[in-house]
Amino acid sequence: MSEVVLVTPLNEVNRFIVDCLKAVGTKEEYAKIFAENLVTADYRGHYSHGLNRLEMYISVILNKSCNPNAEPAVERETVATALVNGNNGLGSVVGKFCMDLAIRKAKDVGISMVTAYGSNHFGIAGIYSLQAMKQNCVGICFTNTSPVMLPTRGRQSALGTNPLSFGAGNAHDQVVLDMATTTVAVGKLEIKKRKGESIPKGWACDNDGNVTSDPSVGMKSGKLLPLGGEEENGGYKGYGLSLLVDVMSGIFSGSNYGTNVPMFGGVETSNLGQTFIAINPEVFAPGFQDRLSDLLGLVRNTEPKDKTKPVLVPGDPERIHMAQVDSQGGLRYIQDQRISCAKLAEKLKIQPMKSFELK
């Protein structure tokens, strides 16, 4: 007897998330922005940052360490820059506000940078680069996170996973880089734990700095290895990138940085720093998109070692995943995730998420 595979349509996942946020007092406008953020993560294949994180967001709203209805406000600005106070609002709302502002300025002056403080976890960084790309701009984004990274010499780091994103191109051909500066994001450990699977060595360490294959141990210690892993494999480069992101987000914005950033999901106010850069390629050499497509074509046409695994550019795996989701009519979640959502629906007294059997 074959296993039953359940699929949830995108609009149903969206409805469920909106209902959850409204149930804890979030106004509908912001609940929709938040829901689109999480659904986009799952749609693009980043299950660590989508529905997987919903309970944590609900928790920070209920414990009042985040104000879901706070409105971002511009405190200082020039024609090309702005400093935004997120007022401890939803990170997805703050992020959308800031990138919208950066895009408007870039349309006028060519390049702009908007930085925010008083923000919270804002989902996948790539969504803000995509936001800029929809307006024919190049989008770059940085955010700091709670300190979880283990530096190359075995001491606990003052830095976090500190992700960054870069996106350029149009609907027909694009590159979208969205990455943590650790080997993986914390959410990847969460997904492995949900599946009851071990993690590859090189992802995380225990409290004594020993590499572990147990996701629960890695989550409890909060010690992730920097991109590259240990020092002999170039981990100092990931460590350096993480420091760069903290400067770009935490230092420029005047927000928390380093060990001052509390763990997300607790009762402390995060006061995260985030920076959004928009570039209008039209103010530079003509033919930007043509040259970009030529470069991406050169990369994709590289002969692979394994002919069943063609060379891809950042953003291609997401494009392939979205096509699969479209063909099957929705998202496939692991059983543990569905059980968690059912319990959350019962707790918040909302309609459970509906799914159908994939034929």
Protein backbone atom coordinates (compact mmCIF):
# COMPACT_ATOMS: atom_id res chain seq x y z
CA MET A 1 0.00 0.00 0.00
CA SER A 2 1.52 3.32 -1.11
CA GLU A 3 1.93 6.20 1.32
CA VAL A 4 -0.68 8.94 1.13
CA VAL A 5 0.92 12.22 0.05
CA LEU A 6 -0.90 15.38 1.11
CA VAL A 7 -0.64 18.70 -0.71
CA THR A 8 -1.80 22.10 0.51
CA PRO A 9 -2.65 24.83 -2.04
CA LEU A 10 -0.68 28.05 -1.65
CA ASN A 11 -3.82 30.11 -1.04
CA GLU A 12 -4.86 27.76 1.78
CA VAL A 13 -1.47 28.06 3.49
CA ASN A 14 -1.78 31.82 3.11
CA ARG A 15 -5.29 31.79 4.60
CA PHE A 16 -4.16 29.71 7.55
CA ILE A 17 -1.24 32.00 8.38
CA VAL A 18 -3.39 35.14 8.07
CA ASP A 19 -5.99 33.62 10.39
CA CYS A 20 -3.28 32.74 12.92
CA LEU A 21 -1.88 36.27 12.95
CA LYS A 22 -5.33 37.85 13.19
CA ALA A 23 -6.17 35.52 16.08
CA VAL A 24 -3.32 37.05 18.11
CA GLY A 25 -4.36 40.60 17.33
CA THR A 26 -2.53 41.47 14.12
CA LYS A 27 -4.35 43.77 11.71
CA GLU A 28 -5.23 42.19 8.39
CA GLU A 29 -2.92 44.37 6.27
CA TYR A 30 0.15 43.28 8.21
CA ALA A 31 -1.06 39.68 8.57
CA LYS A 32 -1.20 39.46 4.76
CA ILE A 33 2.32 40.85 4.34
CA PHE A 34 3.57 38.37 6.93
CA ALA A 35 1.73 35.44 5.32
CA GLU A 36 3.07 36.22 1.85
CA ASN A 37 6.57 36.23 3.33
CA LEU A 38 6.27 32.76 4.86
CA VAL A 39 4.42 31.23 1.90
CA THR A 40 7.06 32.59 -0.49
CA ALA A 41 9.77 30.88 1.57
CA ASP A 42 8.04 27.49 1.34
CA TYR A 43 7.15 28.00 -2.33
CA ARG A 44 10.80 28.64 -3.13
CA GLY A 45 11.84 25.53 -1.18
CA HIS A 46 13.14 27.26 1.96
CA TYR A 47 10.96 25.26 4.36
CA SER A 48 13.15 26.26 7.29
CA HIS A 49 11.85 29.86 7.07
CA GLY A 50 8.22 29.35 6.15
CA LEU A 51 5.47 27.58 8.05
CA ASN A 52 8.20 26.02 10.22
CA ARG A 53 8.69 29.40 11.91
CA LEU A 54 5.02 30.30 12.43
CA GLU A 55 4.77 29.05 16.03
CA MET A 56 7.85 31.03 17.01
CA TYR A 57 6.41 34.24 15.56
CA ILE A 58 3.13 33.61 17.36
CA SER A 59 5.09 33.09 20.58
CA VAL A 60 6.93 36.43 20.38
CA ILE A 61 3.65 38.22 19.70
CA LEU A 62 1.90 36.56 22.64
CA ASN A 63 4.78 37.26 25.03
CA LYS A 64 4.74 40.88 23.81
CA SER A 65 8.38 40.96 22.72
CA CYS A 66 7.10 42.06 19.29
CA ASN A 67 4.28 44.49 18.45
CA PRO A 68 2.58 43.07 15.32
CA ASN A 69 0.77 46.33 14.57
CA ALA A 70 3.70 48.73 14.93
CA GLU A 71 4.29 51.01 11.96
CA PRO A 72 7.83 51.66 10.67
CA ALA A 73 8.84 55.32 10.67
CA VAL A 74 11.54 57.25 8.80
CA GLU A 75 13.73 59.13 11.27
CA ARG A 76 16.47 60.54 9.02
CA GLU A 77 16.83 60.67 5.26
CA THR A 78 18.60 62.15 2.28
CA VAL A 79 17.80 61.75 -1.39
CA ALA A 80 19.67 58.43 -1.41
CA THR A 81 19.54 57.15 2.18
CA ALA A 82 17.21 56.66 5.12
CA LEU A 83 17.25 55.49 8.72
CA VAL A 84 14.03 53.71 9.73
CA ASN A 85 12.74 52.89 13.20
CA GLY A 86 10.93 49.56 13.00
CA ASN A 87 9.24 50.29 16.34
CA ASN A 88 9.59 46.61 17.27
CA GLY A 89 7.16 45.58 14.54
CA LEU A 90 7.02 42.47 12.41
CA GLY A 91 10.28 42.08 10.51
CA SER A 92 8.45 41.30 7.27
CA VAL A 93 6.50 44.56 7.52
CA VAL A 94 9.63 46.57 8.33
CA GLY A 95 11.53 44.90 5.50
CA LYS A 96 8.88 45.57 2.87
CA PHE A 97 8.59 49.19 3.99
CA CYS A 98 12.36 49.72 3.80
CA MET A 99 12.89 48.09 0.42
CA ASP A 100 9.93 50.01 -1.06
CA LEU A 101 11.59 53.20 0.15
CA ALA A 102 14.99 52.14 -1.21
CA ILE A 103 13.46 51.36 -4.62
CA ARG A 104 11.75 54.76 -4.86
CA LYS A 105 15.01 56.52 -4.06
CA ALA A 106 17.02 54.39 -6.50
CA LYS A 107 14.58 55.23 -9.28
CA ASP A 108 15.40 58.90 -8.67
CA VAL A 109 19.13 58.88 -7.93
CA GLY A 110 20.38 55.51 -9.20
CA ILE A 111 21.41 53.84 -5.94
CA SER A 112 20.06 53.98 -2.41
CA MET A 113 20.55 52.45 1.01
CA VAL A 114 17.93 52.23 3.74
CA THR A 115 18.84 50.83 7.15
CA ALA A 116 16.48 49.94 9.99
CA TYR A 117 16.75 49.35 13.71
CA GLY A 118 14.08 48.13 16.11
CA SER A 119 13.16 45.30 13.75
CA ASN A 120 12.56 41.58 14.22
CA HIS A 121 13.28 38.39 12.27
CA PHE A 122 12.12 39.13 8.71
CA GLY A 123 11.99 35.72 7.02
CA ILE A 124 14.13 34.89 4.01
CA ALA A 125 16.45 37.72 2.97
CA GLY A 126 15.89 36.88 -0.68
CA ILE A 127 12.31 38.13 -0.67
CA TYR A 128 13.56 41.72 -0.44
CA SER A 129 15.95 41.28 -3.35
CA LEU A 130 13.03 39.86 -5.34
CA GLN A 131 10.97 42.89 -4.32
CA ALA A 132 13.58 45.17 -5.89
CA MET A 133 13.89 43.01 -9.01
CA LYS A 134 10.14 43.33 -9.69
CA GLN A 135 10.78 47.06 -10.02
CA ASN A 136 13.74 46.52 -12.40
CA CYS A 137 16.33 47.19 -9.71
CA VAL A 138 19.15 45.12 -8.28
CA GLY A 139 18.38 44.29 -4.64
CA ILE A 140 20.84 43.64 -1.79
CA CYS A 141 19.91 42.91 1.80
CA PHE A 142 21.72 42.28 5.10
CA THR A 143 20.43 41.37 8.56
CA ASN A 144 22.09 40.38 11.80
CA THR A 145 20.74 37.61 14.03
CA SER A 146 21.22 36.26 17.53
CA PRO A 147 24.81 35.05 18.22
CA VAL A 148 24.98 31.37 17.34
CA MET A 149 28.13 30.98 15.29
CA LEU A 150 31.22 29.16 16.49
CA PRO A 151 34.46 30.75 15.27
CA THR A 152 37.33 28.79 13.88
CA ARG A 153 39.41 28.54 17.08
CA GLY A 154 36.72 26.91 19.21
CA ARG A 155 35.33 29.80 21.25
CA GLN A 156 31.71 30.93 21.18
CA SER A 157 31.22 33.67 18.64
CA ALA A 158 29.84 37.15 19.08
CA LEU A 159 28.26 36.80 15.63
CA GLY A 160 25.18 35.10 14.24
CA THR A 161 24.07 33.34 11.08
CA ASN A 162 23.88 36.89 9.65
CA PRO A 163 22.33 36.22 6.23
CA LEU A 164 22.61 38.30 3.09
CA SER A 165 20.90 38.32 -0.28
CA PHE A 166 21.61 39.63 -3.76
CA GLY A 167 19.20 39.60 -6.67
CA ALA A 168 19.50 40.83 -10.26
CA GLY A 169 17.68 40.17 -13.51
CA ASN A 170 14.13 39.95 -14.79
CA ALA A 171 11.30 37.40 -14.87
CA HIS A 172 12.98 35.56 -17.75
CA ASP A 173 16.54 35.28 -16.44
CA GLN A 174 17.85 36.12 -13.00
CA VAL A 175 20.28 35.30 -10.22
CA VAL A 176 19.02 35.31 -6.62
CA LEU A 177 21.58 34.58 -3.91
CA ASP A 178 20.09 34.07 -0.43
CA MET A 179 22.48 32.64 2.13
CA ALA A 180 23.46 32.50 5.77
CA THR A 181 27.10 33.13 6.60
CA THR A 182 27.11 29.92 8.63
CA THR A 183 27.20 26.56 6.85
CA VAL A 184 23.42 26.41 7.24
CA ALA A 185 20.71 28.44 8.96
CA VAL A 186 19.28 27.31 12.31
CA GLY A 187 16.04 26.43 10.55
CA LYS A 188 17.78 23.63 8.64
CA LEU A 189 18.50 21.95 11.99
CA GLU A 190 14.85 22.44 12.95
CA ILE A 191 13.69 20.66 9.79
CA LYS A 192 16.13 17.77 10.37
CA LYS A 193 14.78 17.45 13.91
CA ARG A 194 11.19 17.39 12.60
CA LYS A 195 12.15 14.60 10.21
CA GLY A 196 14.03 12.66 12.88
CA GLU A 197 17.22 12.79 10.81
CA SER A 198 20.84 13.45 11.73
CA ILE A 199 22.71 16.48 10.42
CA PRO A 200 25.91 16.35 8.34
CA LYS A 201 29.12 16.92 10.25
CA GLY A 202 30.23 20.49 9.76
CA TRP A 203 26.86 22.06 10.49
CA ALA A 204 26.95 22.48 14.26
CA CYS A 205 28.86 21.79 17.49
CA ASP A 206 27.98 20.80 21.02
CA ASN A 207 28.67 23.00 24.04
CA ASP A 208 32.27 21.84 24.17
CA GLY A 209 32.93 22.80 20.56
CA ASN A 210 32.87 19.24 19.23
CA VAL A 211 31.18 18.72 15.86
CA THR A 212 27.83 16.95 16.27
CA SER A 213 25.45 15.08 13.98
CA ASP A 214 22.49 15.47 16.37
CA PRO A 215 20.24 18.43 15.41
CA SER A 216 18.85 18.65 18.96
CA VAL A 217 22.36 19.04 20.37
CA GLY A 218 23.19 21.71 17.81
CA MET A 219 19.97 23.62 18.52
CA LYS A 220 20.50 23.42 22.28
CA SER A 221 24.11 24.62 22.10
CA GLY A 222 23.28 27.29 19.55
CA LYS A 223 26.70 26.83 18.00
CA LEU A 224 26.77 26.68 14.21
CA LEU A 225 29.95 26.49 12.21
CA PRO A 226 30.78 29.40 9.89
CA LEU A 227 30.55 28.97 6.15
CA GLY A 228 33.47 26.72 5.22
CA GLY A 229 33.38 24.87 8.53
CA GLU A 230 36.60 24.56 10.49
CA GLU A 231 39.59 26.83 9.88
CA GLU A 232 41.52 24.51 7.55
CA ASN A 233 38.50 24.46 5.22
CA GLY A 234 38.15 28.23 5.05
CA GLY A 235 35.80 28.82 7.96
CA TYR A 236 37.54 32.13 8.63
CA LYS A 237 35.98 33.39 5.37
CA GLY A 238 32.45 32.69 6.59
CA TYR A 239 33.40 34.30 9.89
CA GLY A 240 34.59 37.38 8.03
CA LEU A 241 31.39 37.54 5.96
CA SER A 242 29.33 37.36 9.15
CA LEU A 243 31.26 40.29 10.59
CA LEU A 244 30.66 42.25 7.36
CA VAL A 245 26.91 41.66 7.64
CA ASP A 246 26.84 42.78 11.27
CA VAL A 247 28.62 46.02 10.33
CA MET A 248 26.26 46.63 7.40
CA SER A 249 23.14 45.97 9.45
CA GLY A 250 23.83 46.43 13.15
CA ILE A 251 26.50 49.12 13.16
CA PHE A 252 25.06 51.38 10.45
CA SER A 253 21.56 51.25 11.96
CA GLY A 254 22.47 51.72 15.61
CA SER A 255 20.64 48.51 16.52
CA ASN A 256 21.81 45.60 18.63
CA TYR A 257 24.87 43.77 17.31
CA GLY A 258 27.08 40.85 18.27
CA THR A 259 26.27 39.36 21.66
CA ASN A 260 23.78 42.18 22.35
CA VAL A 261 21.24 40.48 20.08
CA PRO A 262 18.98 38.21 22.18
CA MET A 263 17.85 34.78 21.02
CA PHE A 264 14.79 35.02 18.79
CA GLY A 265 11.67 33.57 20.40
CA GLY A 266 12.37 34.78 23.93
CA VAL A 267 10.84 37.61 25.92
CA GLU A 268 13.52 40.20 25.15
CA THR A 269 13.08 42.79 22.41
CA SER A 270 15.29 41.83 19.45
CA ASN A 271 16.13 45.31 18.09
CA LEU A 272 17.59 43.76 14.95
CA GLY A 273 19.41 45.82 12.35
CA GLN A 274 18.67 45.40 8.65
CA THR A 275 19.96 47.13 5.55
CA PHE A 276 18.34 47.31 2.12
CA ILE A 277 20.15 48.50 -0.99
CA ALA A 278 18.49 49.13 -4.35
CA ILE A 279 20.42 49.86 -7.55
CA ASN A 280 18.92 51.06 -10.81
CA PRO A 281 21.12 49.44 -13.51
CA GLU A 282 19.82 51.86 -16.12
CA VAL A 283 22.09 54.63 -14.76
CA PHE A 284 25.17 52.56 -15.62
CA ALA A 285 26.36 50.98 -18.88
CA PRO A 286 23.53 50.09 -21.30
CA GLY A 287 22.72 46.41 -21.84
CA PHE A 288 22.86 45.24 -18.22
CA GLN A 289 20.30 42.46 -18.66
CA ASP A 290 21.88 41.17 -21.88
CA ARG A 291 25.31 40.92 -20.26
CA LEU A 292 23.85 39.33 -17.13
CA SER A 293 22.05 36.69 -19.19
CA ASP A 294 25.23 36.01 -21.14
CA LEU A 295 27.17 35.49 -17.90
CA LEU A 296 24.51 33.19 -16.45
CA GLY A 297 24.45 31.25 -19.71
CA LEU A 298 28.22 30.77 -19.59
CA VAL A 299 27.90 29.37 -16.07
CA ARG A 300 24.93 27.11 -16.80
CA ASN A 301 26.57 25.74 -19.95
CA THR A 302 29.65 24.59 -18.05
CA GLU A 303 30.05 20.85 -18.55
CA PRO A 304 29.15 19.12 -15.26
CA LYS A 305 31.05 16.22 -13.79
CA ASP A 306 27.73 14.37 -13.43
CA LYS A 307 25.59 14.89 -16.54
CA THR A 308 22.44 14.23 -14.51
CA LYS A 309 23.24 17.27 -12.38
CA PRO A 310 23.52 20.37 -14.60
CA VAL A 311 25.36 23.45 -13.36
CA LEU A 312 22.95 25.92 -11.80
CA VAL A 313 23.17 29.54 -10.66
CA PRO A 314 21.70 30.85 -7.40
CA GLY A 315 17.94 31.01 -7.82
CA ASP A 316 17.69 28.06 -10.23
CA PRO A 317 16.92 25.48 -7.51
CA GLU A 318 14.11 27.75 -6.30
CA ARG A 319 12.75 28.11 -9.83
CA ILE A 320 12.73 24.32 -10.23
CA HIS A 321 11.01 23.86 -6.86
CA MET A 322 8.31 26.41 -7.70
CA ALA A 323 7.58 24.60 -10.96
CA GLN A 324 7.18 21.34 -9.02
CA VAL A 325 4.82 22.99 -6.54
CA ASP A 326 2.75 24.39 -9.40
CA SER A 327 2.55 21.01 -11.14
CA GLN A 328 1.37 19.19 -8.01
CA GLY A 329 -1.07 21.92 -7.01
CA GLY A 330 0.44 22.92 -3.70
CA LEU A 331 3.03 22.44 -1.00
CA ARG A 332 4.04 19.14 0.59
CA TYR A 333 4.73 19.37 4.32
CA ILE A 334 6.16 16.65 6.50
CA GLN A 335 3.78 15.01 8.98
CA ASP A 336 5.36 16.62 12.04
CA GLN A 337 4.73 20.06 10.52
CA ARG A 338 1.08 19.25 9.80
CA ILE A 339 0.55 18.00 13.35
CA SER A 340 2.08 21.20 14.74
CA CYS A 341 -0.22 23.32 12.58
CA ALA A 342 -3.27 21.34 13.67
CA LYS A 343 -2.37 21.90 17.33
CA LEU A 344 -1.80 25.60 16.67
CA ALA A 345 -5.20 25.91 14.97
CA GLU A 346 -6.85 24.30 17.98
CA LYS A 347 -4.99 26.59 20.38
CA LEU A 348 -5.94 29.74 18.46
CA LYS A 349 -9.48 28.49 17.73
CA ILE A 350 -9.22 28.92 13.97
CA GLN A 351 -10.03 26.70 11.01
CA PRO A 352 -7.30 24.05 10.50
CA MET A 353 -5.21 24.04 7.35
CA LYS A 354 -6.89 21.91 4.67
CA SER A 355 -4.98 19.59 2.34
CA PHE A 356 -5.82 17.11 -0.38
CA GLU A 357 -4.34 13.81 -1.49
CA LEU A 358 -1.85 13.99 -4.32
CA LYS A 359 -2.92 11.54 -7.02
